[in-house]
């Protein structure tokens, strides 16, 4: 049952897509469409940004640690 519109849902899936719940044809509610769209964007964002973010954080930390060795006024704190 859809948590937003309370319509009975069916389980779908096959060779190309993994199993998932689906509204009956032509009965998809706007809220579930919005939530699923946001979730898809989130998954893509995490997939694309995670490796880049870790590299960027590492580079910035290295630069800060080098600067901290040169300048007494700079401290590198975890967190």
Protein backbone atom coordinates (compact mmCIF):
# COMPACT_ATOMS: atom_id res chain seq x y z
CA UNK A 1 0.00 0.00 0.00
CA UNK A 2 1.35 3.43 -0.92
CA UNK A 3 2.11 5.40 2.27
CA UNK A 4 0.95 8.63 0.59
CA UNK A 5 -2.22 7.86 -1.36
CA UNK A 6 -3.13 4.47 0.24
CA UNK A 7 -3.57 2.73 -3.15
CA UNK A 8 -2.67 -0.99 -3.30
CA UNK A 9 0.68 -1.47 -5.01
CA UNK A 10 2.13 -4.42 -6.93
CA UNK A 11 5.63 -5.88 -6.97
CA UNK A 12 7.36 -5.54 -10.34
CA UNK A 13 10.76 -6.46 -11.65
CA UNK A 14 12.55 -8.40 -14.32
CA UNK A 15 15.87 -8.92 -16.06
CA UNK A 16 16.69 -5.22 -16.46
CA UNK A 17 15.28 -3.74 -13.25
CA UNK A 18 15.41 -5.08 -9.73
CA UNK A 19 12.20 -5.84 -7.85
CA UNK A 20 10.25 -2.80 -6.70
CA UNK A 21 6.77 -1.67 -5.73
CA UNK A 22 4.65 0.08 -8.32
CA UNK A 23 1.33 1.90 -8.48
CA UNK A 24 -1.25 0.44 -10.85
CA UNK A 25 -1.02 1.95 -14.36
CA UNK A 26 -2.11 5.62 -14.52
CA UNK A 27 -2.57 5.85 -10.73
CA UNK A 28 0.82 7.11 -9.57
CA UNK A 29 0.42 9.77 -6.90
CA UNK A 30 2.31 13.06 -7.07
CA UNK A 31 3.92 12.67 -3.64
CA UNK A 32 5.47 9.27 -4.32
CA UNK A 33 6.75 10.53 -7.69
CA UNK A 34 8.36 13.53 -5.98
CA UNK A 35 9.92 11.43 -3.21
CA UNK A 36 11.28 8.85 -5.66
CA UNK A 37 12.69 11.59 -7.89
CA UNK A 38 14.49 13.17 -4.95
CA UNK A 39 15.84 9.79 -3.86
CA UNK A 40 17.18 9.09 -7.36
CA UNK A 41 18.91 12.49 -7.44
CA UNK A 42 20.40 11.77 -4.00
CA UNK A 43 21.77 8.37 -5.10
CA UNK A 44 23.34 9.91 -8.23
CA UNK A 45 24.82 12.76 -6.19
CA UNK A 46 26.38 10.39 -3.65
CA UNK A 47 27.76 8.18 -6.43
CA UNK A 48 29.32 11.15 -8.25
CA UNK A 49 30.54 13.22 -5.30
CA UNK A 50 31.89 10.70 -2.80
CA UNK A 51 35.21 9.93 -4.52
CA UNK A 52 35.76 13.58 -5.46
CA UNK A 53 34.90 14.83 -2.00
CA UNK A 54 37.34 12.48 -0.28
CA UNK A 55 40.12 13.56 -2.63
CA UNK A 56 39.33 17.25 -2.13
CA UNK A 57 39.24 16.94 1.66
CA UNK A 58 42.57 15.11 1.60
CA UNK A 59 44.18 17.80 -0.57
CA UNK A 60 42.89 20.64 1.60
CA UNK A 61 44.02 18.91 4.79
CA UNK A 62 47.52 18.38 3.35
CA UNK A 63 47.76 22.06 2.42
CA UNK A 64 46.58 23.14 5.87
CA UNK A 65 49.05 20.86 7.63
CA UNK A 66 51.92 22.25 5.55
CA UNK A 67 50.77 25.81 6.31
CA UNK A 68 50.49 24.98 10.03
CA UNK A 69 54.15 23.92 10.06
CA UNK A 70 55.16 27.26 8.55
CA UNK A 71 52.82 29.60 10.46
CA UNK A 72 52.31 29.39 14.22
CA UNK A 73 48.85 30.96 13.95
CA UNK A 74 47.34 28.08 11.95
CA UNK A 75 45.95 25.01 13.71
CA UNK A 76 44.48 21.94 12.00
CA UNK A 77 41.67 20.40 14.04
CA UNK A 78 39.76 17.20 13.32
CA UNK A 79 36.05 17.43 12.91
